[in-house]
Amino acid sequence: MHSRKSVGHKTANTSFFGYKTHLALTPERIITAYAVTSGEKPDGKELDGLIALTEKAGIKVEAVVGDAAYSEKDNLKMAKERKIKLIAKLSEMITHSPNKNSTNFVFNKDAGMYVCKAGT
């Protein structure tokens, strides 16, 4: 049996056991930063660290392009404060949350469902 900590979701019906890689690239497709996380970790939580590593390498970050996982509330706030253009479809956690004030659940966009934080 696989540890729950390494099981991620690609869709509501398909899961995988393993790890995820998160990459930051320049428009020329040069890798400026990377992170590796266990499968269940949300992608969006890596954005701030990827930006920090990219800037540490001497590259000014003016814009970020990503999928809906990167448009979570904390990333939107961080991008606004740092004047970074964040180009991503709005996360369903923001647009369709049944309880926008709840901190007990997070929307896993890969699985298309809410997941209790206690299980992660």
N, C-alpha and C. Protein backbone atom coordinates (compact mmCIF):
# COMPACT_ATOMS: atom_id res chain seq x y z
N MET A 1 0.84 -1.18 0.00
CA MET A 1 0.00 0.00 0.00
C MET A 1 0.89 1.24 0.00
N HIS A 2 0.50 2.23 -0.79
CA HIS A 2 1.28 3.46 -0.91
C HIS A 2 0.94 4.44 0.22
N SER A 3 1.95 5.17 0.63
CA SER A 3 1.72 6.22 1.60
C SER A 3 0.82 7.28 0.99
N ARG A 4 -0.17 7.73 1.72
CA ARG A 4 -1.09 8.75 1.24
C ARG A 4 -0.36 10.05 0.92
N LYS A 5 0.77 10.25 1.54
CA LYS A 5 1.52 11.48 1.35
C LYS A 5 2.11 11.61 -0.05
N SER A 6 2.20 10.53 -0.80
CA SER A 6 2.80 10.60 -2.13
C SER A 6 1.79 10.35 -3.24
N VAL A 7 0.52 10.24 -2.91
CA VAL A 7 -0.50 9.98 -3.93
C VAL A 7 -1.10 11.31 -4.36
N GLY A 8 -0.92 11.63 -5.65
CA GLY A 8 -1.48 12.85 -6.22
C GLY A 8 -2.60 12.49 -7.18
N HIS A 9 -3.27 13.49 -7.70
CA HIS A 9 -4.39 13.28 -8.61
C HIS A 9 -4.15 14.04 -9.90
N LYS A 10 -4.38 13.38 -11.02
CA LYS A 10 -4.37 14.04 -12.32
C LYS A 10 -5.78 14.45 -12.70
N THR A 11 -6.76 13.64 -12.36
CA THR A 11 -8.17 13.96 -12.55
C THR A 11 -8.90 13.39 -11.35
N ALA A 12 -10.22 13.57 -11.30
CA ALA A 12 -11.01 13.03 -10.19
C ALA A 12 -10.94 11.50 -10.17
N ASN A 13 -10.72 10.88 -11.31
CA ASN A 13 -10.72 9.42 -11.40
C ASN A 13 -9.35 8.78 -11.51
N THR A 14 -8.31 9.57 -11.72
CA THR A 14 -6.98 8.98 -11.86
C THR A 14 -6.01 9.60 -10.86
N SER A 15 -5.31 8.73 -10.19
CA SER A 15 -4.30 9.19 -9.23
C SER A 15 -2.95 8.61 -9.65
N PHE A 16 -1.91 9.09 -9.01
CA PHE A 16 -0.58 8.56 -9.27
C PHE A 16 0.19 8.52 -7.96
N PHE A 17 1.14 7.63 -7.90
CA PHE A 17 2.02 7.54 -6.74
C PHE A 17 3.36 8.11 -7.16
N GLY A 18 3.89 9.05 -6.40
CA GLY A 18 5.20 9.59 -6.73
C GLY A 18 5.36 11.03 -6.35
N TYR A 19 6.09 11.71 -7.19
CA TYR A 19 6.50 13.08 -6.90
C TYR A 19 6.20 13.98 -8.08
N LYS A 20 6.21 15.30 -7.82
CA LYS A 20 5.99 16.30 -8.86
C LYS A 20 7.24 17.16 -8.95
N THR A 21 7.51 17.62 -10.16
CA THR A 21 8.56 18.62 -10.34
C THR A 21 7.89 19.93 -10.73
N HIS A 22 8.41 21.01 -10.21
CA HIS A 22 7.89 22.34 -10.48
C HIS A 22 9.05 23.14 -11.06
N LEU A 23 8.84 23.72 -12.23
CA LEU A 23 9.92 24.43 -12.92
C LEU A 23 9.57 25.89 -13.16
N ALA A 24 10.57 26.74 -13.08
CA ALA A 24 10.46 28.13 -13.51
C ALA A 24 11.38 28.27 -14.72
N LEU A 25 10.84 28.85 -15.78
CA LEU A 25 11.60 28.99 -17.02
C LEU A 25 11.52 30.41 -17.54
N THR A 26 12.54 30.82 -18.26
CA THR A 26 12.50 32.10 -18.96
C THR A 26 11.72 31.90 -20.25
N PRO A 27 11.36 32.99 -20.94
CA PRO A 27 10.69 32.83 -22.23
C PRO A 27 11.52 32.01 -23.24
N GLU A 28 12.83 31.98 -23.02
CA GLU A 28 13.72 31.20 -23.90
C GLU A 28 13.81 29.74 -23.46
N ARG A 29 13.01 29.38 -22.45
CA ARG A 29 12.92 28.03 -21.92
C ARG A 29 14.19 27.59 -21.16
N ILE A 30 14.86 28.54 -20.54
CA ILE A 30 16.00 28.24 -19.67
C ILE A 30 15.45 28.06 -18.26
N ILE A 31 15.77 26.94 -17.63
CA ILE A 31 15.30 26.67 -16.27
C ILE A 31 16.03 27.57 -15.28
N THR A 32 15.26 28.32 -14.51
CA THR A 32 15.85 29.24 -13.53
C THR A 32 15.68 28.76 -12.10
N ALA A 33 14.73 27.84 -11.88
CA ALA A 33 14.49 27.31 -10.54
C ALA A 33 13.66 26.04 -10.67
N TYR A 34 13.78 25.17 -9.66
CA TYR A 34 12.96 23.97 -9.65
C TYR A 34 12.70 23.55 -8.21
N ALA A 35 11.66 22.76 -8.05
CA ALA A 35 11.33 22.18 -6.75
C ALA A 35 10.74 20.80 -7.02
N VAL A 36 10.95 19.88 -6.10
CA VAL A 36 10.37 18.55 -6.17
C VAL A 36 9.53 18.35 -4.91
N THR A 37 8.28 17.94 -5.10
CA THR A 37 7.40 17.71 -3.96
C THR A 37 6.74 16.35 -4.08
N SER A 38 6.20 15.85 -2.98
CA SER A 38 5.45 14.60 -3.04
C SER A 38 4.14 14.87 -3.79
N GLY A 39 3.55 13.81 -4.30
CA GLY A 39 2.43 13.90 -5.22
C GLY A 39 1.21 14.65 -4.75
N GLU A 40 0.93 14.65 -3.45
CA GLU A 40 -0.31 15.26 -2.98
C GLU A 40 -0.19 16.77 -2.76
N LYS A 41 1.01 17.30 -2.81
CA LYS A 41 1.21 18.73 -2.54
C LYS A 41 0.62 19.59 -3.65
N PRO A 42 -0.06 20.68 -3.30
CA PRO A 42 -0.62 21.57 -4.32
C PRO A 42 0.48 22.33 -5.05
N ASP A 43 0.34 22.46 -6.36
CA ASP A 43 1.36 23.12 -7.17
C ASP A 43 1.56 24.58 -6.79
N GLY A 44 0.48 25.29 -6.55
CA GLY A 44 0.54 26.73 -6.32
C GLY A 44 1.39 27.14 -5.14
N LYS A 45 1.54 26.28 -4.16
CA LYS A 45 2.33 26.62 -2.97
C LYS A 45 3.81 26.80 -3.29
N GLU A 46 4.25 26.35 -4.46
CA GLU A 46 5.66 26.44 -4.84
C GLU A 46 6.03 27.74 -5.53
N LEU A 47 5.03 28.54 -5.92
CA LEU A 47 5.30 29.73 -6.72
C LEU A 47 6.25 30.71 -6.07
N ASP A 48 6.01 31.07 -4.83
CA ASP A 48 6.85 32.07 -4.15
C ASP A 48 8.31 31.61 -4.10
N GLY A 49 8.53 30.34 -3.79
CA GLY A 49 9.90 29.81 -3.74
C GLY A 49 10.57 29.80 -5.10
N LEU A 50 9.82 29.47 -6.15
CA LEU A 50 10.38 29.47 -7.50
C LEU A 50 10.77 30.88 -7.92
N ILE A 51 9.93 31.84 -7.57
CA ILE A 51 10.25 33.24 -7.89
C ILE A 51 11.49 33.68 -7.12
N ALA A 52 11.56 33.34 -5.84
CA ALA A 52 12.72 33.73 -5.02
C ALA A 52 14.02 33.15 -5.58
N LEU A 53 14.00 31.87 -5.97
CA LEU A 53 15.20 31.25 -6.55
C LEU A 53 15.58 31.89 -7.88
N THR A 54 14.58 32.23 -8.67
CA THR A 54 14.84 32.87 -9.96
C THR A 54 15.48 34.24 -9.75
N GLU A 55 14.95 35.00 -8.80
CA GLU A 55 15.51 36.32 -8.52
C GLU A 55 16.91 36.21 -7.92
N LYS A 56 17.13 35.18 -7.11
CA LYS A 56 18.46 34.96 -6.53
C LYS A 56 19.49 34.69 -7.63
N ALA A 57 19.02 34.11 -8.73
CA ALA A 57 19.90 33.84 -9.87
C ALA A 57 20.14 35.10 -10.71
N GLY A 58 19.53 36.22 -10.30
CA GLY A 58 19.78 37.49 -10.98
C GLY A 58 18.78 37.83 -12.07
N ILE A 59 17.66 37.14 -12.11
CA ILE A 59 16.65 37.39 -13.14
C ILE A 59 15.47 38.11 -12.51
N LYS A 60 15.11 39.26 -13.08
CA LYS A 60 13.96 40.02 -12.59
C LYS A 60 12.68 39.35 -13.10
N VAL A 61 11.78 39.04 -12.19
CA VAL A 61 10.51 38.41 -12.55
C VAL A 61 9.46 39.50 -12.70
N GLU A 62 8.95 39.65 -13.91
CA GLU A 62 7.92 40.65 -14.19
C GLU A 62 6.56 40.01 -14.41
N ALA A 63 6.57 38.75 -14.88
CA ALA A 63 5.31 38.06 -15.17
C ALA A 63 5.50 36.56 -14.95
N VAL A 64 4.41 35.90 -14.58
CA VAL A 64 4.38 34.45 -14.39
C VAL A 64 3.19 33.92 -15.17
N VAL A 65 3.41 32.86 -15.95
CA VAL A 65 2.33 32.19 -16.66
C VAL A 65 2.19 30.80 -16.07
N GLY A 66 1.00 30.44 -15.64
CA GLY A 66 0.78 29.13 -15.04
C GLY A 66 -0.66 28.70 -15.19
N ASP A 67 -0.97 27.49 -14.76
CA ASP A 67 -2.35 27.02 -14.83
C ASP A 67 -3.11 27.49 -13.59
N ALA A 68 -4.35 27.04 -13.44
CA ALA A 68 -5.21 27.51 -12.36
C ALA A 68 -4.65 27.22 -10.97
N ALA A 69 -3.78 26.25 -10.85
CA ALA A 69 -3.20 25.94 -9.54
C ALA A 69 -2.40 27.12 -8.98
N TYR A 70 -1.92 27.98 -9.85
CA TYR A 70 -1.09 29.10 -9.41
C TYR A 70 -1.90 30.35 -9.08
N SER A 71 -3.21 30.32 -9.32
CA SER A 71 -4.02 31.51 -9.05
C SER A 71 -4.70 31.47 -7.69
N GLU A 72 -4.12 30.73 -6.76
CA GLU A 72 -4.71 30.70 -5.43
C GLU A 72 -4.54 32.06 -4.75
N LYS A 73 -5.35 32.28 -3.74
CA LYS A 73 -5.45 33.58 -3.06
C LYS A 73 -4.09 34.15 -2.63
N ASP A 74 -3.26 33.35 -1.99
CA ASP A 74 -1.96 33.85 -1.51
C ASP A 74 -1.07 34.29 -2.67
N ASN A 75 -1.11 33.56 -3.78
CA ASN A 75 -0.30 33.93 -4.94
C ASN A 75 -0.80 35.22 -5.60
N LEU A 76 -2.12 35.38 -5.66
CA LEU A 76 -2.67 36.62 -6.22
C LEU A 76 -2.25 37.82 -5.38
N LYS A 77 -2.31 37.65 -4.07
CA LYS A 77 -1.91 38.73 -3.16
C LYS A 77 -0.42 39.03 -3.29
N MET A 78 0.41 37.98 -3.31
CA MET A 78 1.86 38.16 -3.44
C MET A 78 2.20 38.86 -4.75
N ALA A 79 1.59 38.43 -5.84
CA ALA A 79 1.88 39.02 -7.15
C ALA A 79 1.50 40.50 -7.18
N LYS A 80 0.36 40.82 -6.60
CA LYS A 80 -0.08 42.22 -6.57
C LYS A 80 0.89 43.07 -5.75
N GLU A 81 1.28 42.57 -4.57
CA GLU A 81 2.21 43.31 -3.70
C GLU A 81 3.56 43.53 -4.36
N ARG A 82 4.02 42.53 -5.13
CA ARG A 82 5.35 42.60 -5.74
C ARG A 82 5.31 43.13 -7.17
N LYS A 83 4.10 43.53 -7.62
CA LYS A 83 3.92 44.06 -8.98
C LYS A 83 4.39 43.08 -10.04
N ILE A 84 4.02 41.81 -9.85
CA ILE A 84 4.30 40.75 -10.82
C ILE A 84 2.99 40.41 -11.50
N LYS A 85 3.00 40.39 -12.82
CA LYS A 85 1.79 40.03 -13.56
C LYS A 85 1.63 38.52 -13.49
N LEU A 86 0.51 38.06 -12.93
CA LEU A 86 0.22 36.63 -12.81
C LEU A 86 -0.84 36.27 -13.84
N ILE A 87 -0.46 35.46 -14.81
CA ILE A 87 -1.35 35.08 -15.89
C ILE A 87 -1.73 33.62 -15.68
N ALA A 88 -2.95 33.40 -15.18
CA ALA A 88 -3.44 32.06 -14.89
C ALA A 88 -4.95 32.09 -14.79
N LYS A 89 -5.59 31.04 -15.24
CA LYS A 89 -7.03 30.92 -15.08
C LYS A 89 -7.33 30.94 -13.58
N LEU A 90 -8.41 31.61 -13.17
CA LEU A 90 -8.72 31.67 -11.75
C LEU A 90 -9.03 30.28 -11.21
N SER A 91 -8.49 30.00 -10.07
CA SER A 91 -8.70 28.73 -9.39
C SER A 91 -10.16 28.58 -8.99
N GLU A 92 -10.69 27.36 -9.08
CA GLU A 92 -12.06 27.10 -8.64
C GLU A 92 -12.21 27.35 -7.15
N MET A 93 -11.13 27.29 -6.41
CA MET A 93 -11.20 27.58 -4.97
C MET A 93 -11.66 29.01 -4.75
N ILE A 94 -11.32 29.89 -5.68
CA ILE A 94 -11.70 31.29 -5.58
C ILE A 94 -13.09 31.51 -6.17
N THR A 95 -13.36 30.90 -7.32
CA THR A 95 -14.61 31.18 -8.03
C THR A 95 -15.79 30.32 -7.61
N HIS A 96 -15.56 29.10 -7.07
CA HIS A 96 -16.67 28.20 -6.78
C HIS A 96 -16.65 27.62 -5.36
N SER A 97 -15.90 28.19 -4.48
CA SER A 97 -15.81 27.65 -3.13
C SER A 97 -17.16 27.72 -2.42
N PRO A 98 -17.64 26.59 -1.84
CA PRO A 98 -18.90 26.63 -1.11
C PRO A 98 -18.80 27.46 0.16
N ASN A 99 -17.60 27.57 0.71
CA ASN A 99 -17.40 28.36 1.93
C ASN A 99 -16.05 29.05 1.78
N LYS A 100 -16.05 30.24 1.23
CA LYS A 100 -14.80 30.94 0.92
C LYS A 100 -13.99 31.28 2.16
N ASN A 101 -14.61 31.21 3.34
CA ASN A 101 -13.88 31.52 4.57
C ASN A 101 -13.32 30.27 5.24
N SER A 102 -13.60 29.10 4.70
CA SER A 102 -13.14 27.86 5.30
C SER A 102 -11.65 27.67 5.07
N THR A 103 -10.95 27.26 6.10
CA THR A 103 -9.53 26.94 5.96
C THR A 103 -9.29 25.45 6.16
N ASN A 104 -10.36 24.67 6.26
CA ASN A 104 -10.22 23.24 6.50
C ASN A 104 -10.06 22.43 5.23
N PHE A 105 -10.42 23.00 4.08
CA PHE A 105 -10.36 22.29 2.82
C PHE A 105 -9.61 23.10 1.79
N VAL A 106 -8.93 22.41 0.88
CA VAL A 106 -8.29 23.05 -0.27
C VAL A 106 -8.81 22.38 -1.53
N PHE A 107 -8.92 23.15 -2.60
CA PHE A 107 -9.38 22.59 -3.86
C PHE A 107 -8.19 22.01 -4.59
N ASN A 108 -8.23 20.71 -4.88
CA ASN A 108 -7.19 20.06 -5.67
C ASN A 108 -7.64 20.12 -7.12
N LYS A 109 -7.05 21.03 -7.90
CA LYS A 109 -7.51 21.23 -9.27
C LYS A 109 -7.25 20.02 -10.13
N ASP A 110 -6.22 19.24 -9.84
CA ASP A 110 -5.95 18.05 -10.63
C ASP A 110 -7.05 17.02 -10.46
N ALA A 111 -7.54 16.87 -9.23
CA ALA A 111 -8.59 15.89 -8.95
C ALA A 111 -9.98 16.48 -9.14
N GLY A 112 -10.08 17.82 -9.20
CA GLY A 112 -11.36 18.47 -9.35
C GLY A 112 -12.25 18.30 -8.13
N MET A 113 -11.62 18.28 -6.94
CA MET A 113 -12.41 18.10 -5.72
C MET A 113 -11.73 18.80 -4.55
N TYR A 114 -12.52 19.01 -3.49
CA TYR A 114 -11.98 19.58 -2.27
C TYR A 114 -11.36 18.47 -1.43
N VAL A 115 -10.22 18.76 -0.80
CA VAL A 115 -9.52 17.79 0.02
C VAL A 115 -9.33 18.37 1.41
N CYS A 116 -9.61 17.59 2.42
CA CYS A 116 -9.44 18.03 3.80
C CYS A 116 -7.96 18.20 4.09
N LYS A 117 -7.57 19.33 4.64
CA LYS A 117 -6.16 19.60 4.96
C LYS A 117 -5.63 18.61 5.98
N ALA A 118 -6.49 18.08 6.84
CA ALA A 118 -6.04 17.14 7.86
C ALA A 118 -5.46 15.87 7.24
N GLY A 119 -5.87 15.54 6.02
CA GLY A 119 -5.38 14.35 5.34
C GLY A 119 -4.09 14.55 4.59
N THR A 120 -3.59 15.81 4.52
CA THR A 120 -2.36 16.06 3.76
C THR A 120 -1.20 16.26 4.67
